Amino acid sequence: MATKGIGRVQIDISQTARRRIGVGALAIIAILAWAWWDGGEEPMRPITQTIELPGTAQ
């Protein structure tokens, strides 16, 4: 008898492991959501500081 597709593998995971995985996934999602909301960019500001050039560059 041939089986179709890939068989399912059952893995027993404890409740504490499931909770840790869930908390870790929520933390990653929260960090990614904050980074998306923040955008990481600041508005551009013109440089208003004058600099002295050497005599040959003027």
N, C-alpha and C. Protein backbone atom coordinates (compact mmCIF):
# COMPACT_ATOMS: atom_id res chain seq x y z
N MET A 1 0.84 -1.16 0.00
CA MET A 1 0.00 0.00 0.00
C MET A 1 0.90 1.25 0.00
N ALA A 2 0.67 2.14 -0.93
CA ALA A 2 1.46 3.37 -1.04
C ALA A 2 0.78 4.49 -0.25
N THR A 3 1.61 5.32 0.37
CA THR A 3 1.06 6.46 1.09
C THR A 3 1.24 7.71 0.25
N LYS A 4 0.30 8.60 0.35
CA LYS A 4 0.36 9.84 -0.42
C LYS A 4 0.97 10.94 0.45
N GLY A 5 1.82 11.75 -0.13
CA GLY A 5 2.40 12.89 0.57
C GLY A 5 3.39 12.47 1.65
N ILE A 6 3.69 13.41 2.46
CA ILE A 6 4.65 13.18 3.54
C ILE A 6 3.85 12.89 4.81
N GLY A 7 4.23 11.86 5.51
CA GLY A 7 3.53 11.51 6.74
C GLY A 7 3.76 12.54 7.83
N ARG A 8 2.83 12.60 8.76
CA ARG A 8 2.95 13.55 9.87
C ARG A 8 3.80 12.94 10.97
N VAL A 9 4.63 13.77 11.55
CA VAL A 9 5.46 13.35 12.66
C VAL A 9 4.94 14.04 13.91
N GLN A 10 4.62 13.26 14.93
CA GLN A 10 4.09 13.83 16.15
C GLN A 10 5.23 14.03 17.15
N ILE A 11 5.35 15.25 17.65
CA ILE A 11 6.40 15.57 18.60
C ILE A 11 5.72 16.01 19.89
N ASP A 12 6.11 15.40 20.98
CA ASP A 12 5.56 15.78 22.29
C ASP A 12 6.39 16.93 22.86
N ILE A 13 5.73 18.05 23.12
CA ILE A 13 6.38 19.22 23.70
C ILE A 13 5.67 19.55 25.00
N SER A 14 6.42 19.79 26.05
CA SER A 14 5.82 20.09 27.35
C SER A 14 5.14 21.47 27.31
N GLN A 15 4.27 21.69 28.31
CA GLN A 15 3.56 22.96 28.40
C GLN A 15 4.54 24.12 28.60
N THR A 16 5.57 23.93 29.43
CA THR A 16 6.52 25.01 29.67
C THR A 16 7.29 25.35 28.41
N ALA A 17 7.63 24.34 27.61
CA ALA A 17 8.33 24.60 26.35
C ALA A 17 7.43 25.35 25.38
N ARG A 18 6.16 24.96 25.33
CA ARG A 18 5.21 25.67 24.46
C ARG A 18 5.06 27.12 24.90
N ARG A 19 4.99 27.33 26.22
CA ARG A 19 4.85 28.69 26.73
C ARG A 19 6.08 29.52 26.40
N ARG A 20 7.28 28.95 26.56
CA ARG A 20 8.51 29.67 26.24
C ARG A 20 8.58 30.02 24.76
N ILE A 21 8.19 29.09 23.91
CA ILE A 21 8.18 29.35 22.47
C ILE A 21 7.19 30.47 22.15
N GLY A 22 6.02 30.41 22.78
CA GLY A 22 5.00 31.45 22.55
C GLY A 22 5.46 32.82 23.01
N VAL A 23 6.08 32.87 24.20
CA VAL A 23 6.57 34.15 24.72
C VAL A 23 7.69 34.69 23.84
N GLY A 24 8.58 33.82 23.38
CA GLY A 24 9.66 34.24 22.49
C GLY A 24 9.12 34.77 21.17
N ALA A 25 8.12 34.08 20.62
CA ALA A 25 7.53 34.53 19.36
C ALA A 25 6.84 35.87 19.53
N LEU A 26 6.13 36.07 20.65
CA LEU A 26 5.47 37.35 20.91
C LEU A 26 6.49 38.47 21.08
N ALA A 27 7.61 38.16 21.73
CA ALA A 27 8.65 39.18 21.91
C ALA A 27 9.24 39.59 20.57
N ILE A 28 9.49 38.63 19.70
CA ILE A 28 10.04 38.94 18.38
C ILE A 28 9.03 39.76 17.57
N ILE A 29 7.77 39.38 17.63
CA ILE A 29 6.74 40.12 16.89
C ILE A 29 6.62 41.54 17.43
N ALA A 30 6.70 41.70 18.76
CA ALA A 30 6.61 43.03 19.36
C ALA A 30 7.80 43.90 18.94
N ILE A 31 9.00 43.34 18.92
CA ILE A 31 10.19 44.10 18.49
C ILE A 31 10.07 44.50 17.03
N LEU A 32 9.63 43.58 16.19
CA LEU A 32 9.48 43.90 14.76
C LEU A 32 8.39 44.95 14.54
N ALA A 33 7.29 44.86 15.30
CA ALA A 33 6.22 45.86 15.16
C ALA A 33 6.71 47.23 15.60
N TRP A 34 7.47 47.29 16.71
CA TRP A 34 8.01 48.57 17.17
C TRP A 34 8.99 49.15 16.14
N ALA A 35 9.84 48.31 15.57
CA ALA A 35 10.81 48.78 14.58
C ALA A 35 10.09 49.29 13.33
N TRP A 36 9.02 48.63 12.93
CA TRP A 36 8.26 49.07 11.76
C TRP A 36 7.58 50.41 12.07
N TRP A 37 7.01 50.55 13.26
CA TRP A 37 6.32 51.78 13.63
C TRP A 37 7.31 52.94 13.76
N ASP A 38 8.46 52.66 14.36
CA ASP A 38 9.46 53.71 14.59
C ASP A 38 10.07 54.18 13.27
N GLY A 39 10.32 53.28 12.39
CA GLY A 39 10.86 53.62 11.07
C GLY A 39 12.36 53.80 11.06
N GLY A 40 12.95 54.15 12.18
CA GLY A 40 14.40 54.27 12.27
C GLY A 40 15.00 55.45 11.53
N GLU A 41 14.19 56.34 11.03
CA GLU A 41 14.72 57.47 10.28
C GLU A 41 14.42 58.77 11.03
N GLU A 42 15.34 59.70 10.90
CA GLU A 42 15.14 61.03 11.45
C GLU A 42 15.07 62.01 10.29
N PRO A 43 14.35 63.12 10.47
CA PRO A 43 14.29 64.10 9.39
C PRO A 43 15.68 64.69 9.11
N MET A 44 15.94 65.01 7.85
CA MET A 44 17.23 65.56 7.48
C MET A 44 17.32 67.02 7.92
N ARG A 45 18.48 67.38 8.44
CA ARG A 45 18.73 68.76 8.84
C ARG A 45 19.96 69.26 8.10
N PRO A 46 19.91 70.50 7.64
CA PRO A 46 21.09 71.03 6.93
C PRO A 46 22.24 71.24 7.91
N ILE A 47 23.46 71.08 7.41
CA ILE A 47 24.65 71.31 8.21
C ILE A 47 24.95 72.80 8.17
N THR A 48 24.97 73.43 9.33
CA THR A 48 25.17 74.88 9.38
C THR A 48 26.52 75.25 10.00
N GLN A 49 27.41 74.30 10.07
CA GLN A 49 28.71 74.54 10.68
C GLN A 49 29.73 74.86 9.58
N THR A 50 30.48 75.94 9.76
CA THR A 50 31.51 76.28 8.78
C THR A 50 32.81 75.57 9.15
N ILE A 51 33.59 75.25 8.13
CA ILE A 51 34.86 74.58 8.37
C ILE A 51 35.98 75.40 7.71
N GLU A 52 37.16 75.30 8.24
CA GLU A 52 38.32 75.98 7.69
C GLU A 52 39.02 75.05 6.70
N LEU A 53 39.30 75.54 5.51
CA LEU A 53 40.01 74.76 4.51
C LEU A 53 41.48 75.20 4.49
N PRO A 54 42.37 74.29 4.15
CA PRO A 54 43.78 74.67 4.03
C PRO A 54 43.98 75.69 2.89
N GLY A 55 45.06 76.40 2.91
CA GLY A 55 45.31 77.46 1.94
C GLY A 55 45.28 76.97 0.51
N THR A 56 45.76 75.77 0.18
CA THR A 56 45.80 75.31 -1.21
C THR A 56 44.43 74.86 -1.72
N ALA A 57 43.53 74.51 -0.83
CA ALA A 57 42.20 74.05 -1.25
C ALA A 57 41.27 75.21 -1.54
N GLN A 58 41.60 76.43 -1.08
CA GLN A 58 40.71 77.56 -1.30
C GLN A 58 40.86 78.02 -2.68
